[in-house]
Amino acid sequence: LRYDYSIAKLFLFATITFGIIGLLI
């Protein structure tokens, strides 16, 4: 079975971005 991780990748980038923003503030 070939899994489609395209949405997971987008949320991974969002996790890192919001992590930096939230922690910086």
PDB file of all heavy atoms in Angstrom:
ATOM      1  N   LEU A   1       0.835  -1.188   0.000  1.00  0.00           N
ATOM      2  CA  LEU A   1       0.000   0.000   0.000  1.00  0.00           C
ATOM      3  C   LEU A   1       0.880   1.252   0.000  1.00  0.00           C
ATOM      4  O   LEU A   1       1.762   1.403   0.847  1.00  0.00           O
ATOM      5  CB  LEU A   1      -0.899  -0.007   1.241  1.00  0.00           C
ATOM      6  CG  LEU A   1      -2.039   1.007   1.288  1.00  0.00           C
ATOM      7  CD1 LEU A   1      -3.003   0.788   0.131  1.00  0.00           C
ATOM      8  CD2 LEU A   1      -2.783   0.891   2.612  1.00  0.00           C
ATOM      9  N   ARG A   2       0.661   2.144  -0.953  1.00  0.00           N
ATOM     10  CA  ARG A   2       1.463   3.380  -1.048  1.00  0.00           C
ATOM     11  C   ARG A   2       0.709   4.514  -0.351  1.00  0.00           C
ATOM     12  O   ARG A   2      -0.345   4.951  -0.822  1.00  0.00           O
ATOM     13  CB  ARG A   2       1.731   3.732  -2.506  1.00  0.00           C
ATOM     14  CG  ARG A   2       2.603   2.719  -3.218  1.00  0.00           C
ATOM     15  CD  ARG A   2       2.852   3.129  -4.667  1.00  0.00           C
ATOM     16  NE  ARG A   2       3.538   4.399  -4.750  1.00  0.00           N
ATOM     17  CZ  ARG A   2       4.874   4.525  -4.713  1.00  0.00           C
ATOM     18  NH1 ARG A   2       5.642   3.457  -4.579  1.00  0.00           N
ATOM     19  NH2 ARG A   2       5.436   5.711  -4.812  1.00  0.00           N
ATOM     20  N   TYR A   3       1.253   4.964   0.744  1.00  0.00           N
ATOM     21  CA  TYR A   3       0.604   6.024   1.504  1.00  0.00           C
ATOM     22  C   TYR A   3       0.885   7.386   0.879  1.00  0.00           C
ATOM     23  O   TYR A   3       1.958   7.620   0.318  1.00  0.00           O
ATOM     24  CB  TYR A   3       1.089   6.018   2.955  1.00  0.00           C
ATOM     25  CG  TYR A   3       0.828   4.712   3.669  1.00  0.00           C
ATOM     26  CD1 TYR A   3       1.878   3.929   4.137  1.00  0.00           C
ATOM     27  CD2 TYR A   3      -0.471   4.246   3.874  1.00  0.00           C
ATOM     28  CE1 TYR A   3       1.652   2.732   4.782  1.00  0.00           C
ATOM     29  CE2 TYR A   3      -0.715   3.045   4.516  1.00  0.00           C
ATOM     30  CZ  TYR A   3       0.355   2.288   4.964  1.00  0.00           C
ATOM     31  OH  TYR A   3       0.127   1.103   5.610  1.00  0.00           O
ATOM     32  N   ASP A   4      -0.079   8.278   0.986  1.00  0.00           N
ATOM     33  CA  ASP A   4       0.055   9.646   0.460  1.00  0.00           C
ATOM     34  C   ASP A   4       0.303  10.588   1.642  1.00  0.00           C
ATOM     35  O   ASP A   4      -0.591  10.856   2.434  1.00  0.00           O
ATOM     36  CB  ASP A   4      -1.235  10.043  -0.274  1.00  0.00           C
ATOM     37  CG  ASP A   4      -1.100  11.388  -0.988  1.00  0.00           C
ATOM     38  OD1 ASP A   4      -0.325  12.249  -0.515  1.00  0.00           O
ATOM     39  OD2 ASP A   4      -1.778  11.586  -2.010  1.00  0.00           O
ATOM     40  N   TYR A   5       1.535  11.073   1.729  1.00  0.00           N
ATOM     41  CA  TYR A   5       1.931  11.901   2.873  1.00  0.00           C
ATOM     42  C   TYR A   5       1.931  13.399   2.564  1.00  0.00           C
ATOM     43  O   TYR A   5       2.492  14.191   3.323  1.00  0.00           O
ATOM     44  CB  TYR A   5       3.327  11.502   3.349  1.00  0.00           C
ATOM     45  CG  TYR A   5       3.410  10.108   3.924  1.00  0.00           C
ATOM     46  CD1 TYR A   5       4.445   9.250   3.542  1.00  0.00           C
ATOM     47  CD2 TYR A   5       2.479   9.650   4.849  1.00  0.00           C
ATOM     48  CE1 TYR A   5       4.544   7.967   4.073  1.00  0.00           C
ATOM     49  CE2 TYR A   5       2.564   8.374   5.383  1.00  0.00           C
ATOM     50  CZ  TYR A   5       3.604   7.541   4.987  1.00  0.00           C
ATOM     51  OH  TYR A   5       3.698   6.278   5.521  1.00  0.00           O
ATOM     52  N   SER A   6       1.335  13.797   1.456  1.00  0.00           N
ATOM     53  CA  SER A   6       1.421  15.208   1.043  1.00  0.00           C
ATOM     54  C   SER A   6       0.794  16.146   2.078  1.00  0.00           C
ATOM     55  O   SER A   6       1.328  17.236   2.351  1.00  0.00           O
ATOM     56  CB  SER A   6       0.746  15.401  -0.318  1.00  0.00           C
ATOM     57  OG  SER A   6      -0.596  14.928  -0.293  1.00  0.00           O
ATOM     58  N   ILE A   7      -0.314  15.746   2.684  1.00  0.00           N
ATOM     59  CA  ILE A   7      -0.975  16.602   3.682  1.00  0.00           C
ATOM     60  C   ILE A   7      -0.175  16.598   4.983  1.00  0.00           C
ATOM     61  O   ILE A   7      -0.008  17.641   5.630  1.00  0.00           O
ATOM     62  CB  ILE A   7      -2.421  16.141   3.930  1.00  0.00           C
ATOM     63  CG1 ILE A   7      -3.192  16.064   2.617  1.00  0.00           C
ATOM     64  CG2 ILE A   7      -3.131  17.087   4.898  1.00  0.00           C
ATOM     65  CD1 ILE A   7      -4.519  15.339   2.715  1.00  0.00           C
ATOM     66  N   ALA A   8       0.348  15.442   5.363  1.00  0.00           N
ATOM     67  CA  ALA A   8       1.174  15.351   6.569  1.00  0.00           C
ATOM     68  C   ALA A   8       2.391  16.264   6.459  1.00  0.00           C
ATOM     69  O   ALA A   8       2.788  16.910   7.441  1.00  0.00           O
ATOM     70  CB  ALA A   8       1.603  13.907   6.809  1.00  0.00           C
ATOM     71  N   LYS A   9       2.992  16.343   5.283  1.00  0.00           N
ATOM     72  CA  LYS A   9       4.158  17.210   5.097  1.00  0.00           C
ATOM     73  C   LYS A   9       3.789  18.678   5.313  1.00  0.00           C
ATOM     74  O   LYS A   9       4.532  19.433   5.949  1.00  0.00           O
ATOM     75  CB  LYS A   9       4.724  17.027   3.684  1.00  0.00           C
ATOM     76  CG  LYS A   9       5.395  15.690   3.455  1.00  0.00           C
ATOM     77  CD  LYS A   9       5.861  15.554   2.010  1.00  0.00           C
ATOM     78  CE  LYS A   9       6.487  14.189   1.753  1.00  0.00           C
ATOM     79  NZ  LYS A   9       6.916  14.025   0.333  1.00  0.00           N
ATOM     80  N   LEU A  10       2.635  19.092   4.796  1.00  0.00           N
ATOM     81  CA  LEU A  10       2.196  20.474   4.984  1.00  0.00           C
ATOM     82  C   LEU A  10       2.004  20.794   6.465  1.00  0.00           C
ATOM     83  O   LEU A  10       2.431  21.852   6.958  1.00  0.00           O
ATOM     84  CB  LEU A  10       0.893  20.721   4.218  1.00  0.00           C
ATOM     85  CG  LEU A  10       0.977  20.708   2.695  1.00  0.00           C
ATOM     86  CD1 LEU A  10      -0.425  20.813   2.086  1.00  0.00           C
ATOM     87  CD2 LEU A  10       1.855  21.838   2.177  1.00  0.00           C
ATOM     88  N   PHE A  11       1.363  19.887   7.183  1.00  0.00           N
ATOM     89  CA  PHE A  11       1.149  20.128   8.613  1.00  0.00           C
ATOM     90  C   PHE A  11       2.458  20.064   9.403  1.00  0.00           C
ATOM     91  O   PHE A  11       2.589  20.734  10.430  1.00  0.00           O
ATOM     92  CB  PHE A  11       0.123  19.135   9.181  1.00  0.00           C
ATOM     93  CG  PHE A  11      -1.298  19.586   9.006  1.00  0.00           C
ATOM     94  CD1 PHE A  11      -2.134  18.968   8.093  1.00  0.00           C
ATOM     95  CD2 PHE A  11      -1.811  20.640   9.762  1.00  0.00           C
ATOM     96  CE1 PHE A  11      -3.449  19.383   7.927  1.00  0.00           C
ATOM     97  CE2 PHE A  11      -3.125  21.059   9.608  1.00  0.00           C
ATOM     98  CZ  PHE A  11      -3.950  20.439   8.689  1.00  0.00           C
ATOM     99  N   LEU A  12       3.425  19.273   8.933  1.00  0.00           N
ATOM    100  CA  LEU A  12       4.736  19.262   9.580  1.00  0.00           C
ATOM    101  C   LEU A  12       5.387  20.645   9.494  1.00  0.00           C
ATOM    102  O   LEU A  12       5.905  21.166  10.493  1.00  0.00           O
ATOM    103  CB  LEU A  12       5.638  18.215   8.917  1.00  0.00           C
ATOM    104  CG  LEU A  12       7.100  18.203   9.394  1.00  0.00           C
ATOM    105  CD1 LEU A  12       7.203  17.728  10.838  1.00  0.00           C
ATOM    106  CD2 LEU A  12       7.954  17.303   8.482  1.00  0.00           C
ATOM    107  N   PHE A  13       5.329  21.257   8.317  1.00  0.00           N
ATOM    108  CA  PHE A  13       5.894  22.599   8.158  1.00  0.00           C
ATOM    109  C   PHE A  13       5.143  23.621   9.019  1.00  0.00           C
ATOM    110  O   PHE A  13       5.739  24.533   9.588  1.00  0.00           O
ATOM    111  CB  PHE A  13       5.862  23.020   6.680  1.00  0.00           C
ATOM    112  CG  PHE A  13       6.684  22.143   5.780  1.00  0.00           C
ATOM    113  CD1 PHE A  13       6.234  21.793   4.515  1.00  0.00           C
ATOM    114  CD2 PHE A  13       7.908  21.640   6.200  1.00  0.00           C
ATOM    115  CE1 PHE A  13       6.991  20.974   3.683  1.00  0.00           C
ATOM    116  CE2 PHE A  13       8.674  20.825   5.373  1.00  0.00           C
ATOM    117  CZ  PHE A  13       8.214  20.483   4.108  1.00  0.00           C
ATOM    118  N   ALA A  14       3.823  23.451   9.115  1.00  0.00           N
ATOM    119  CA  ALA A  14       3.023  24.348   9.955  1.00  0.00           C
ATOM    120  C   ALA A  14       3.397  24.181  11.433  1.00  0.00           C
ATOM    121  O   ALA A  14       3.485  25.165  12.178  1.00  0.00           O
ATOM    122  CB  ALA A  14       1.530  24.072   9.753  1.00  0.00           C
ATOM    123  N   THR A  15       3.622  22.938  11.857  1.00  0.00           N
ATOM    124  CA  THR A  15       4.015  22.676  13.249  1.00  0.00           C
ATOM    125  C   THR A  15       5.283  23.431  13.598  1.00  0.00           C
ATOM    126  O   THR A  15       5.368  24.099  14.651  1.00  0.00           O
ATOM    127  CB  THR A  15       4.246  21.161  13.456  1.00  0.00           C
ATOM    128  OG1 THR A  15       3.055  20.454  13.113  1.00  0.00           O
ATOM    129  CG2 THR A  15       4.620  20.858  14.900  1.00  0.00           C
ATOM    130  N   ILE A  16       6.276  23.338  12.739  1.00  0.00           N
ATOM    131  CA  ILE A  16       7.555  24.008  12.996  1.00  0.00           C
ATOM    132  C   ILE A  16       7.388  25.519  12.979  1.00  0.00           C
ATOM    133  O   ILE A  16       7.890  26.229  13.862  1.00  0.00           O
ATOM    134  CB  ILE A  16       8.596  23.554  11.948  1.00  0.00           C
ATOM    135  CG1 ILE A  16       8.902  22.065  12.140  1.00  0.00           C
ATOM    136  CG2 ILE A  16       9.864  24.389  12.053  1.00  0.00           C
ATOM    137  CD1 ILE A  16       9.731  21.462  11.034  1.00  0.00           C
ATOM    138  N   THR A  17       6.644  26.029  12.007  1.00  0.00           N
ATOM    139  CA  THR A  17       6.458  27.482  11.883  1.00  0.00           C
ATOM    140  C   THR A  17       5.737  28.057  13.094  1.00  0.00           C
ATOM    141  O   THR A  17       6.191  29.041  13.700  1.00  0.00           O
ATOM    142  CB  THR A  17       5.655  27.811  10.600  1.00  0.00           C
ATOM    143  OG1 THR A  17       6.352  27.287   9.464  1.00  0.00           O
ATOM    144  CG2 THR A  17       5.481  29.313  10.449  1.00  0.00           C
ATOM    145  N   PHE A  18       4.614  27.456  13.465  1.00  0.00           N
ATOM    146  CA  PHE A  18       3.862  27.968  14.611  1.00  0.00           C
ATOM    147  C   PHE A  18       4.607  27.738  15.924  1.00  0.00           C
ATOM    148  O   PHE A  18       4.438  28.499  16.882  1.00  0.00           O
ATOM    149  CB  PHE A  18       2.469  27.342  14.660  1.00  0.00           C
ATOM    150  CG  PHE A  18       1.558  27.821  13.566  1.00  0.00           C
ATOM    151  CD1 PHE A  18       0.898  26.923  12.739  1.00  0.00           C
ATOM    152  CD2 PHE A  18       1.365  29.182  13.349  1.00  0.00           C
ATOM    153  CE1 PHE A  18       0.061  27.371  11.729  1.00  0.00           C
ATOM    154  CE2 PHE A  18       0.526  29.636  12.342  1.00  0.00           C
ATOM    155  CZ  PHE A  18      -0.121  28.728  11.525  1.00  0.00           C
ATOM    156  N   GLY A  19       5.429  26.683  15.964  1.00  0.00           N
ATOM    157  CA  GLY A  19       6.254  26.469  17.142  1.00  0.00           C
ATOM    158  C   GLY A  19       7.219  27.612  17.352  1.00  0.00           C
ATOM    159  O   GLY A  19       7.349  28.144  18.474  1.00  0.00           O
ATOM    160  N   ILE A  20       7.896  28.021  16.302  1.00  0.00           N
ATOM    161  CA  ILE A  20       8.851  29.138  16.404  1.00  0.00           C
ATOM    162  C   ILE A  20       8.125  30.431  16.766  1.00  0.00           C
ATOM    163  O   ILE A  20       8.556  31.180  17.662  1.00  0.00           O
ATOM    164  CB  ILE A  20       9.631  29.298  15.080  1.00  0.00           C
ATOM    165  CG1 ILE A  20      10.577  28.107  14.888  1.00  0.00           C
ATOM    166  CG2 ILE A  20      10.418  30.609  15.075  1.00  0.00           C
ATOM    167  CD1 ILE A  20      11.269  28.091  13.549  1.00  0.00           C
ATOM    168  N   ILE A  21       6.997  30.709  16.095  1.00  0.00           N
ATOM    169  CA  ILE A  21       6.247  31.945  16.368  1.00  0.00           C
ATOM    170  C   ILE A  21       5.744  31.967  17.807  1.00  0.00           C
ATOM    171  O   ILE A  21       5.937  32.946  18.539  1.00  0.00           O
ATOM    172  CB  ILE A  21       5.067  32.091  15.385  1.00  0.00           C
ATOM    173  CG1 ILE A  21       5.579  32.319  13.959  1.00  0.00           C
ATOM    174  CG2 ILE A  21       4.152  33.253  15.811  1.00  0.00           C
ATOM    175  CD1 ILE A  21       4.489  32.252  12.897  1.00  0.00           C
ATOM    176  N   GLY A  22       5.082  30.882  18.229  1.00  0.00           N
ATOM    177  CA  GLY A  22       4.519  30.832  19.572  1.00  0.00           C
ATOM    178  C   GLY A  22       5.580  30.937  20.651  1.00  0.00           C
ATOM    179  O   GLY A  22       5.416  31.672  21.637  1.00  0.00           O
ATOM    180  N   LEU A  23       6.697  30.226  20.467  1.00  0.00           N
ATOM    181  CA  LEU A  23       7.766  30.262  21.464  1.00  0.00           C
ATOM    182  C   LEU A  23       8.464  31.617  21.478  1.00  0.00           C
ATOM    183  O   LEU A  23       8.815  32.132  22.553  1.00  0.00           O
ATOM    184  CB  LEU A  23       8.776  29.150  21.187  1.00  0.00           C
ATOM    185  CG  LEU A  23       8.289  27.721  21.453  1.00  0.00           C
ATOM    186  CD1 LEU A  23       9.308  26.702  20.935  1.00  0.00           C
ATOM    187  CD2 LEU A  23       8.038  27.501  22.940  1.00  0.00           C
ATOM    188  N   LEU A  24       8.683  32.207  20.310  1.00  0.00           N
ATOM    189  CA  LEU A  24       9.343  33.508  20.250  1.00  0.00           C
ATOM    190  C   LEU A  24       8.531  34.570  20.983  1.00  0.00           C
ATOM    191  O   LEU A  24       9.082  35.362  21.774  1.00  0.00           O
ATOM    192  CB  LEU A  24       9.557  33.917  18.785  1.00  0.00           C
ATOM    193  CG  LEU A  24      10.204  35.289  18.561  1.00  0.00           C
ATOM    194  CD1 LEU A  24      11.587  35.355  19.191  1.00  0.00           C
ATOM    195  CD2 LEU A  24      10.281  35.607  17.063  1.00  0.00           C
ATOM    196  N   ILE A  25       7.225  34.589  20.748  1.00  0.00           N
ATOM    197  CA  ILE A  25       6.373  35.554  21.445  1.00  0.00           C
ATOM    198  C   ILE A  25       6.385  35.270  22.949  1.00  0.00           C
ATOM    199  O   ILE A  25       6.418  36.188  23.773  1.00  0.00           O
ATOM    200  CB  ILE A  25       4.937  35.531  20.889  1.00  0.00           C
ATOM    201  CG1 ILE A  25       4.928  35.977  19.424  1.00  0.00           C
ATOM    202  CG2 ILE A  25       4.020  36.439  21.713  1.00  0.00           C
ATOM    203  CD1 ILE A  25       3.586  35.835  18.737  1.00  0.00           C
TER     204      ILE A  25
END
